[in-house]
Amino acid sequence: MPLRSEWKLGREGFTFDTVLRLIQCTVLNPYLTFAILAAFRYTSRGHPLLLAHPKKHVALRALFALGVLDRLRRFLDDGVLNNWTSDKYDWEKEVVVVTGGSDGIGKCVVLLMAERGIKVVVLDVRELTYEAPPTVRYVYCDLGSHESIASATSEAAAAFGAAPTIFINNAGIGGHAGNVLSQPSKPPTAGDKDAASSSSSSSSPPSCVPDAPGDATAFAPSNVRAVFAVNALSHYALHRAFVPAMAAANHGMVVTVASVAAYIAAPGMNPYSASKAAALALHETLHADLAVSTHPRADRVRTVAVLQGYVRTELFRGFDEGDGFLAYALEKETVAEAVVRAVLRGRSAHVVLPVGTGTYSSWVRAMPSWMQYGVRKSAGMAKLMQGYRGRMVEQPSEAGMVGGGEQVEDSKVFVERGDEKEE
């Protein structure tokens, strides 16, 4: 599974991002526009054209200036994010830990790393769905349990006889998506408090407020707890397990695979969007903590945030795929390659996918309030979750006893918002 050339057309086809890349490589390429300006000004054939078309000359100068400003922005982004320091990585010695590496995006990340002979430890509640390459180890980990995390991180550190130097926070679950109005018509009793959770043995949805969008189980305590446990709370324990050794060596990297939902949430996307916003805030705080740390000095420990839009996986099956050009679904391989490229560069980064709509999402919070709230309430945002039937992987620590006392089996996979269950 080799890394796809960045010069090839993306797996998603011709999209708005393709246009942006063409613009960046041509009219916003300062080397190209400078060469054209020099030809106009300093060649015998170009100078008469300069005099004959002064407006085009002004436009070229403007494009050159914009290209220079864009390069300056990227230079400053890289310098500030990396604390104006450099570091080297020996990929024969580095040990990578990936959570949620059994399937989906995580699986692609693991295989891309393993293809390069990099040592990888997968932490997941499910067994690997593929044959482990020679440099890959699997360790069972229930991200809803601090005891399981403590045991798994100890095993991960011992797997290759060296402390992990790259940690990729990839695991995530969608949970039940819904509107706060989509509540059961009567308060749950102590005996059936989990009946509305994803582990319910009944296939019939509970009674809901009429016409309220979403799933009535979205705000059940078990669902909220499970989503936050995997998507955000587990990061605290995992950082505590891996980051101190990186800081002591002033070498390493933490990657957080979050979501553009951390910036802008569609109606019915709670509690997923809230958990991803928490994960991003934790990541940004970690970056600042490492940058200002002096005992030990940790300014060379890199942090990479990956915020992707909708990815075509079972996690978000049924999510609106957009128009295929401006808004479109990403392939899991595309996101995995972005993660791996960022890791192999050995530099802190803030990666947003797709670049066009993802960057726009990050700008929403800088808009005036009337624009922000108008975007969130728009018809385009409202339809995103209407057909959602994504899955979640039930964490055994969060499953507990369900319905009539049946114990949920480890690693059971449930399909959300539907009448059927996948096991």
Protein backbone atom coordinates (compact mmCIF):
# COMPACT_ATOMS: atom_id res chain seq x y z
CA MET A 1 0.00 0.00 0.00
CA PRO A 2 2.40 2.72 -1.20
CA LEU A 3 1.76 6.40 -0.56
CA ARG A 4 -0.14 7.88 -3.47
CA SER A 5 1.73 10.61 -5.37
CA GLU A 6 0.55 14.08 -4.38
CA TRP A 7 0.64 15.00 -8.07
CA LYS A 8 -2.03 12.47 -8.97
CA LEU A 9 -5.71 13.28 -9.10
CA GLY A 10 -7.25 12.45 -5.74
CA ARG A 11 -9.28 9.29 -5.17
CA GLU A 12 -12.34 11.49 -4.82
CA GLY A 13 -11.97 12.73 -8.42
CA PHE A 14 -11.97 16.31 -9.69
CA THR A 15 -13.01 18.48 -6.76
CA PHE A 16 -12.70 22.04 -5.48
CA ASP A 17 -9.45 21.03 -3.78
CA THR A 18 -8.08 20.06 -7.21
CA VAL A 19 -8.79 23.59 -8.43
CA LEU A 20 -7.14 25.09 -5.34
CA ARG A 21 -4.00 23.02 -5.93
CA LEU A 22 -3.85 24.09 -9.57
CA ILE A 23 -4.14 27.74 -8.55
CA GLN A 24 -1.44 27.34 -5.91
CA CYS A 25 0.93 25.66 -8.36
CA THR A 26 0.37 28.23 -11.12
CA VAL A 27 -0.99 31.74 -10.59
CA LEU A 28 -0.04 31.79 -6.88
CA ASN A 29 3.40 30.30 -7.50
CA PRO A 30 5.73 33.30 -6.89
CA TYR A 31 8.58 31.64 -8.78
CA LEU A 32 6.43 31.35 -11.89
CA THR A 33 4.90 34.83 -11.71
CA PHE A 34 8.34 36.37 -10.98
CA ALA A 35 9.77 34.68 -14.08
CA ILE A 36 6.94 36.06 -16.21
CA LEU A 37 7.36 39.55 -14.74
CA ALA A 38 11.11 39.43 -15.38
CA ALA A 39 10.51 38.32 -18.98
CA PHE A 40 8.09 41.22 -19.49
CA ARG A 41 10.47 43.76 -18.02
CA TYR A 42 13.92 42.67 -19.15
CA THR A 43 13.52 41.03 -22.57
CA SER A 44 13.32 42.80 -25.91
CA ARG A 45 10.12 41.01 -26.85
CA GLY A 46 8.50 41.28 -23.46
CA HIS A 47 9.01 45.01 -22.77
CA PRO A 48 6.73 46.21 -25.61
CA LEU A 49 4.01 43.88 -24.28
CA LEU A 50 4.46 45.42 -20.85
CA LEU A 51 3.89 48.88 -22.26
CA ALA A 52 0.92 47.72 -24.32
CA HIS A 53 -0.85 45.90 -21.47
CA PRO A 54 -0.24 47.80 -18.22
CA LYS A 55 -3.30 46.32 -16.48
CA LYS A 56 -2.05 42.78 -17.04
CA HIS A 57 1.28 43.83 -15.57
CA VAL A 58 -0.49 45.13 -12.47
CA ALA A 59 -2.44 41.86 -12.20
CA LEU A 60 0.78 39.83 -12.43
CA ARG A 61 2.38 41.94 -9.72
CA ALA A 62 -0.67 41.39 -7.51
CA LEU A 63 -0.52 37.61 -8.07
CA PHE A 64 3.19 37.64 -7.28
CA ALA A 65 2.52 39.52 -4.03
CA LEU A 66 -0.25 37.09 -3.06
CA GLY A 67 2.05 34.14 -3.80
CA VAL A 68 4.79 35.63 -1.62
CA LEU A 69 2.33 36.25 1.20
CA ASP A 70 1.09 32.65 0.97
CA ARG A 71 4.66 31.33 1.17
CA LEU A 72 5.33 33.64 4.10
CA ARG A 73 2.21 32.35 5.87
CA ARG A 74 3.35 28.75 5.42
CA PHE A 75 6.84 29.64 6.64
CA LEU A 76 5.46 31.28 9.77
CA ASP A 77 3.00 28.42 10.36
CA ASP A 78 5.83 25.91 10.26
CA GLY A 79 8.20 27.99 12.37
CA VAL A 80 5.75 28.83 15.15
CA LEU A 81 4.20 25.36 15.30
CA ASN A 82 7.69 23.84 15.61
CA ASN A 83 9.03 26.46 18.04
CA TRP A 84 11.70 27.38 15.46
CA THR A 85 13.51 24.12 16.26
CA SER A 86 14.52 21.13 14.18
CA ASP A 87 14.77 17.44 15.01
CA LYS A 88 15.68 14.18 13.28
CA TYR A 89 13.83 10.87 13.26
CA ASP A 90 15.46 7.48 12.82
CA TRP A 91 12.61 5.36 11.48
CA GLU A 92 14.47 2.13 12.25
CA LYS A 93 14.34 3.04 15.94
CA GLU A 94 11.06 4.95 16.33
CA VAL A 95 8.08 3.11 17.83
CA VAL A 96 4.60 4.22 16.79
CA VAL A 97 1.42 3.60 18.80
CA VAL A 98 -1.92 3.85 16.97
CA THR A 99 -5.27 3.66 18.73
CA GLY A 100 -8.15 2.25 16.71
CA GLY A 101 -5.75 0.62 14.27
CA SER A 102 -7.77 -2.54 13.69
CA ASP A 103 -9.90 -1.14 10.90
CA GLY A 104 -10.82 1.99 8.98
CA ILE A 105 -8.41 4.93 8.84
CA GLY A 106 -6.24 3.41 11.58
CA LYS A 107 -5.75 0.20 9.60
CA CYS A 108 -4.52 2.18 6.58
CA VAL A 109 -2.14 4.19 8.78
CA VAL A 110 -0.70 1.03 10.31
CA LEU A 111 -0.16 -0.68 6.95
CA LEU A 112 1.48 2.41 5.44
CA MET A 113 3.86 2.59 8.40
CA ALA A 114 4.58 -1.14 8.38
CA GLU A 115 5.38 -1.05 4.66
CA ARG A 116 8.32 1.21 5.55
CA GLY A 117 9.52 -1.16 8.23
CA ILE A 118 8.39 1.12 11.06
CA LYS A 119 7.52 -0.55 14.36
CA VAL A 120 3.83 -0.10 15.21
CA VAL A 121 1.75 -1.08 18.23
CA VAL A 122 -2.02 -1.12 17.72
CA LEU A 123 -4.26 -0.41 20.71
CA ASP A 124 -7.83 -1.44 20.01
CA VAL A 125 -10.81 -3.12 21.63
CA ARG A 126 -11.18 -5.30 18.53
CA GLU A 127 -8.79 -7.81 17.04
CA LEU A 128 -6.97 -6.83 13.86
CA THR A 129 -9.08 -7.29 10.74
CA TYR A 130 -5.94 -8.04 8.71
CA GLU A 131 -2.83 -10.17 9.04
CA ALA A 132 -0.29 -8.28 11.12
CA PRO A 133 2.95 -7.43 9.24
CA PRO A 134 6.21 -8.43 10.99
CA THR A 135 6.68 -4.98 12.57
CA VAL A 136 3.14 -4.70 13.96
CA ARG A 137 1.95 -5.77 17.41
CA TYR A 138 -1.63 -5.81 18.69
CA VAL A 139 -2.56 -4.97 22.29
CA TYR A 140 -6.13 -5.16 23.57
CA CYS A 141 -7.29 -1.81 24.97
CA ASP A 142 -10.71 -0.67 26.15
CA LEU A 143 -10.51 3.12 25.89
CA GLY A 144 -13.42 3.49 28.28
CA SER A 145 -11.41 1.93 31.12
CA HIS A 146 -8.46 3.61 32.80
CA GLU A 147 -7.31 0.22 34.09
CA SER A 148 -7.31 -1.21 30.58
CA ILE A 149 -5.45 1.85 29.25
CA ALA A 150 -2.81 1.55 31.98
CA SER A 151 -2.28 -2.13 31.21
CA ALA A 152 -2.23 -1.59 27.43
CA THR A 153 0.22 1.31 27.53
CA SER A 154 2.59 -0.77 29.67
CA GLU A 155 2.39 -3.59 27.13
CA ALA A 156 2.92 -1.12 24.28
CA ALA A 157 6.09 0.20 25.90
CA ALA A 158 7.41 -3.36 26.29
CA ALA A 159 6.38 -4.60 22.83
CA PHE A 160 9.63 -3.55 21.14
CA GLY A 161 11.75 -2.93 24.23
CA ALA A 162 11.68 0.84 23.74
CA ALA A 163 9.39 3.67 24.78
CA PRO A 164 6.99 4.76 22.03
CA THR A 165 8.09 7.98 20.34
CA ILE A 166 5.09 8.57 18.06
CA PHE A 167 1.55 8.40 19.41
CA ILE A 168 -1.43 8.64 17.06
CA ASN A 169 -4.79 9.32 18.74
CA ASN A 170 -6.92 7.84 15.98
CA ALA A 171 -9.70 5.90 17.72
CA GLY A 172 -13.13 7.46 17.59
CA ILE A 173 -16.80 6.51 17.67
CA GLY A 174 -19.82 8.32 16.31
CA GLY A 175 -22.33 7.08 18.84
CA HIS A 176 -26.01 7.89 18.49
CA ALA A 177 -26.55 11.26 16.83
CA GLY A 178 -29.55 13.32 17.75
CA ASN A 179 -31.29 16.46 18.85
CA VAL A 180 -31.72 17.34 22.51
CA LEU A 181 -35.48 17.34 21.85
CA SER A 182 -35.36 13.68 20.82
CA GLN A 183 -35.94 12.41 24.33
CA PRO A 184 -38.07 9.56 25.63
CA SER A 185 -41.57 10.74 26.43
CA LYS A 186 -41.20 9.63 30.06
CA PRO A 187 -38.17 9.79 32.34
CA PRO A 188 -36.27 6.48 32.47
CA THR A 189 -36.33 4.55 35.71
CA ALA A 190 -33.30 3.08 37.44
CA GLY A 191 -34.16 -0.33 36.06
CA ASP A 192 -34.23 0.75 32.42
CA LYS A 193 -31.78 3.67 32.39
CA ASP A 194 -29.71 1.87 29.76
CA ALA A 195 -32.66 0.71 27.68
CA ALA A 196 -32.21 3.70 25.37
CA SER A 197 -28.47 3.14 24.96
CA SER A 198 -26.73 1.63 21.96
CA SER A 199 -26.59 -1.67 23.75
CA SER A 200 -30.36 -2.03 24.03
CA SER A 201 -31.61 -5.54 23.31
CA SER A 202 -34.83 -4.13 21.83
CA SER A 203 -34.90 -3.16 18.17
CA SER A 204 -37.79 -0.72 18.66
CA PRO A 205 -36.86 2.92 19.32
CA PRO A 206 -38.26 4.54 22.47
CA SER A 207 -41.14 6.97 22.28
CA CYS A 208 -39.92 10.39 21.16
CA VAL A 209 -41.11 13.95 20.96
CA PRO A 210 -43.12 14.16 17.69
CA ASP A 211 -41.11 15.44 14.70
CA ALA A 212 -37.94 15.86 16.80
CA PRO A 213 -34.98 15.00 14.56
CA GLY A 214 -32.36 12.46 15.52
CA ASP A 215 -32.18 9.46 17.79
CA ALA A 216 -33.79 9.49 21.23
CA THR A 217 -30.80 7.62 22.65
CA ALA A 218 -28.31 10.33 21.64
CA PHE A 219 -28.44 11.99 25.05
CA ALA A 220 -28.75 8.83 27.11
CA PRO A 221 -25.99 8.95 29.74
CA SER A 222 -24.45 5.73 28.46
CA ASN A 223 -24.15 7.09 24.90
CA VAL A 224 -22.72 10.45 25.94
CA ARG A 225 -20.29 8.77 28.32
CA ALA A 226 -19.12 6.28 25.69
CA VAL A 227 -18.56 8.93 23.01
CA PHE A 228 -16.62 11.25 25.32
CA ALA A 229 -14.67 8.35 26.85
CA VAL A 230 -13.25 7.26 23.49
CA ASN A 231 -13.09 10.57 21.62
CA ALA A 232 -11.73 12.81 24.37
CA LEU A 233 -11.34 11.51 27.93
CA SER A 234 -9.07 8.61 26.94
CA HIS A 235 -6.61 11.15 25.51
CA TYR A 236 -5.78 12.37 29.01
CA ALA A 237 -4.71 8.94 30.22
CA LEU A 238 -2.89 8.12 26.98
CA HIS A 239 -0.99 11.42 26.97
CA ARG A 240 -0.04 10.85 30.58
CA ALA A 241 1.32 7.42 29.66
CA PHE A 242 3.37 8.38 26.60
CA VAL A 243 4.21 12.10 26.64
CA PRO A 244 6.47 12.28 29.76
CA ALA A 245 9.05 9.96 28.15
CA MET A 246 8.95 12.04 24.95
CA ALA A 247 9.39 15.23 26.96
CA ALA A 248 12.30 13.76 28.91
CA ALA A 249 14.06 12.95 25.62
CA ASN A 250 12.80 16.16 23.96
CA HIS A 251 11.86 13.98 21.02
CA GLY A 252 8.59 12.53 19.81
CA MET A 253 5.23 13.31 18.30
CA VAL A 254 1.55 13.29 19.27
CA VAL A 255 -1.03 13.13 16.49
CA THR A 256 -4.70 13.84 17.17
CA VAL A 257 -7.19 12.74 14.52
CA ALA A 258 -10.15 14.97 15.34
CA SER A 259 -12.77 16.26 12.90
CA VAL A 260 -13.95 19.49 11.26
CA ALA A 261 -16.98 18.95 13.50
CA ALA A 262 -14.74 20.46 16.20
CA TYR A 263 -15.14 23.75 14.32
CA ILE A 264 -18.68 23.60 13.06
CA ALA A 265 -21.40 21.15 14.04
CA ALA A 266 -24.39 20.17 11.96
CA PRO A 267 -27.81 19.87 13.63
CA GLY A 268 -28.18 16.41 15.12
CA MET A 269 -24.42 15.81 15.45
CA ASN A 270 -24.32 15.91 19.24
CA PRO A 271 -22.56 14.54 21.26
CA TYR A 272 -19.95 13.61 18.61
CA SER A 273 -19.13 17.22 17.69
CA ALA A 274 -18.78 18.25 21.34
CA SER A 275 -16.33 15.39 22.00
CA LYS A 276 -14.22 16.34 18.98
CA ALA A 277 -14.12 19.98 20.07
CA ALA A 278 -12.86 18.75 23.44
CA ALA A 279 -10.20 16.62 21.75
CA LEU A 280 -8.97 19.58 19.70
CA ALA A 281 -8.86 21.85 22.75
CA LEU A 282 -6.84 19.23 24.63
CA HIS A 283 -4.45 18.90 21.68
CA GLU A 284 -3.91 22.67 21.48
CA THR A 285 -3.31 22.86 25.22
CA LEU A 286 -0.80 20.01 24.98
CA HIS A 287 1.09 21.88 22.25
CA ALA A 288 1.29 25.00 24.43
CA ASP A 289 2.32 23.00 27.51
CA LEU A 290 5.18 21.35 25.62
CA ALA A 291 6.33 24.63 24.09
CA VAL A 292 6.66 26.46 27.42
CA SER A 293 8.02 23.52 29.43
CA THR A 294 11.54 24.07 30.75
CA HIS A 295 11.88 21.18 33.23
CA PRO A 296 12.19 19.16 31.11
CA ARG A 297 12.61 21.13 27.92
CA ALA A 298 10.14 19.67 25.42
CA ASP A 299 10.00 22.17 22.56
CA ARG A 300 11.00 19.50 20.02
CA VAL A 301 8.09 17.20 20.81
CA ARG A 302 5.85 17.63 17.79
CA THR A 303 2.07 17.84 17.71
CA VAL A 304 -0.06 17.21 14.63
CA ALA A 305 -3.80 17.91 14.48
CA VAL A 306 -5.74 16.28 11.64
CA LEU A 307 -9.25 17.61 11.12
CA GLN A 308 -11.04 15.77 8.37
CA GLY A 309 -14.52 16.11 6.99
CA TYR A 310 -16.88 13.24 6.30
CA VAL A 311 -14.99 10.01 5.59
CA ARG A 312 -16.62 7.16 3.71
CA THR A 313 -16.45 4.55 6.49
CA GLU A 314 -19.03 2.60 8.50
CA LEU A 315 -18.60 5.12 11.31
CA PHE A 316 -20.61 7.66 9.33
CA ARG A 317 -22.68 5.55 7.00
CA GLY A 318 -25.62 7.57 5.67
CA PHE A 319 -24.01 10.99 6.25
CA ASP A 320 -24.85 13.36 3.38
CA GLU A 321 -22.03 13.19 0.81
CA GLY A 322 -22.54 16.66 -0.64
CA ASP A 323 -22.37 17.64 -4.29
CA GLY A 324 -19.15 15.76 -5.05
CA PHE A 325 -17.22 18.92 -5.94
CA LEU A 326 -17.34 21.59 -3.26
CA ALA A 327 -18.47 19.26 -0.48
CA TYR A 328 -17.62 15.60 -0.84
CA ALA A 329 -16.81 12.43 1.07
CA LEU A 330 -13.19 11.56 1.69
CA GLU A 331 -11.81 8.06 1.27
CA LYS A 332 -10.20 6.60 4.37
CA GLU A 333 -6.93 6.09 2.45
CA THR A 334 -6.79 9.83 1.74
CA VAL A 335 -6.97 10.71 5.43
CA ALA A 336 -4.50 7.96 6.38
CA GLU A 337 -1.97 9.22 3.85
CA ALA A 338 -2.30 12.75 5.21
CA VAL A 339 -1.57 11.41 8.70
CA VAL A 340 1.42 9.35 7.57
CA ARG A 341 2.91 12.18 5.48
CA ALA A 342 2.68 14.52 8.48
CA VAL A 343 4.40 11.94 10.70
CA LEU A 344 7.18 11.21 8.20
CA ARG A 345 7.92 14.93 7.82
CA GLY A 346 8.66 15.03 11.53
CA ARG A 347 7.12 18.48 11.89
CA SER A 348 4.19 19.84 13.86
CA ALA A 349 1.27 20.66 11.60
CA HIS A 350 -2.41 21.52 11.44
CA VAL A 351 -3.95 19.45 8.65
CA VAL A 352 -7.49 20.17 7.43
CA LEU A 353 -9.27 17.98 4.86
CA PRO A 354 -10.76 18.79 2.44
CA VAL A 355 -8.68 21.96 2.23
CA GLY A 356 -11.46 24.10 0.75
CA THR A 357 -14.50 23.31 2.87
CA GLY A 358 -12.38 22.33 5.88
CA THR A 359 -10.62 25.69 5.96
CA TYR A 360 -13.96 27.44 5.52
CA SER A 361 -15.26 25.52 8.55
CA SER A 362 -12.34 26.76 10.63
CA TRP A 363 -13.13 30.34 9.59
CA VAL A 364 -16.73 30.14 10.75
CA ARG A 365 -15.83 30.94 14.36
CA ALA A 366 -14.12 34.14 13.21
CA MET A 367 -17.31 35.35 11.51
CA PRO A 368 -19.76 37.79 13.10
CA SER A 369 -22.30 36.01 15.26
CA TRP A 370 -25.15 36.45 12.78
CA MET A 371 -23.11 34.72 10.09
CA GLN A 372 -21.92 31.90 12.39
CA TYR A 373 -25.38 30.99 13.57
CA GLY A 374 -26.82 31.46 10.10
CA VAL A 375 -24.38 28.91 8.69
CA ARG A 376 -25.19 26.34 11.39
CA LYS A 377 -28.92 26.70 10.79
CA SER A 378 -28.70 26.64 6.99
CA ALA A 379 -30.59 24.05 4.95
CA GLY A 380 -27.32 22.54 3.72
CA MET A 381 -26.14 21.85 7.27
CA ALA A 382 -29.56 20.62 8.42
CA LYS A 383 -29.65 17.78 5.87
CA LEU A 384 -26.19 16.35 6.67
CA MET A 385 -27.33 13.95 9.39
CA GLN A 386 -30.82 13.10 8.13
CA GLY A 387 -29.81 9.73 6.69
CA TYR A 388 -27.12 8.90 9.26
CA ARG A 389 -26.89 5.21 10.15
CA GLY A 390 -23.28 4.98 11.27
CA ARG A 391 -21.87 2.42 13.62
CA MET A 392 -20.07 2.49 16.93
CA VAL A 393 -17.81 -0.05 18.58
CA GLU A 394 -19.16 -0.74 22.04
CA GLN A 395 -16.50 -0.45 24.74
CA PRO A 396 -16.98 -3.33 27.22
CA SER A 397 -16.42 -0.99 30.16
CA GLU A 398 -19.33 1.18 28.98
CA ALA A 399 -21.67 -1.63 27.93
CA GLY A 400 -22.40 -3.15 31.31
CA MET A 401 -25.66 -4.96 31.87
CA VAL A 402 -28.34 -4.24 29.30
CA GLY A 403 -32.08 -4.77 29.00
CA GLY A 404 -33.00 -7.81 31.04
CA GLY A 405 -29.52 -8.35 32.44
CA GLU A 406 -27.79 -9.73 29.35
CA GLN A 407 -24.05 -9.09 29.44
CA VAL A 408 -22.79 -7.35 26.29
CA GLU A 409 -20.01 -9.29 24.66
CA ASP A 410 -16.63 -7.66 24.19
CA SER A 411 -16.06 -5.83 20.90
CA LYS A 412 -19.66 -6.03 19.68
CA VAL A 413 -20.32 -3.61 16.82
CA PHE A 414 -23.70 -1.92 16.68
CA VAL A 415 -25.36 -0.09 13.82
CA GLU A 416 -26.83 3.24 14.89
CA ARG A 417 -30.20 4.74 14.03
CA GLY A 418 -31.48 1.55 12.42
CA ASP A 419 -33.70 -1.35 13.33
CA GLU A 420 -31.00 -3.92 12.63
CA LYS A 421 -27.81 -4.74 14.47
CA GLU A 422 -24.46 -5.85 13.09
CA GLU A 423 -22.57 -8.26 15.29
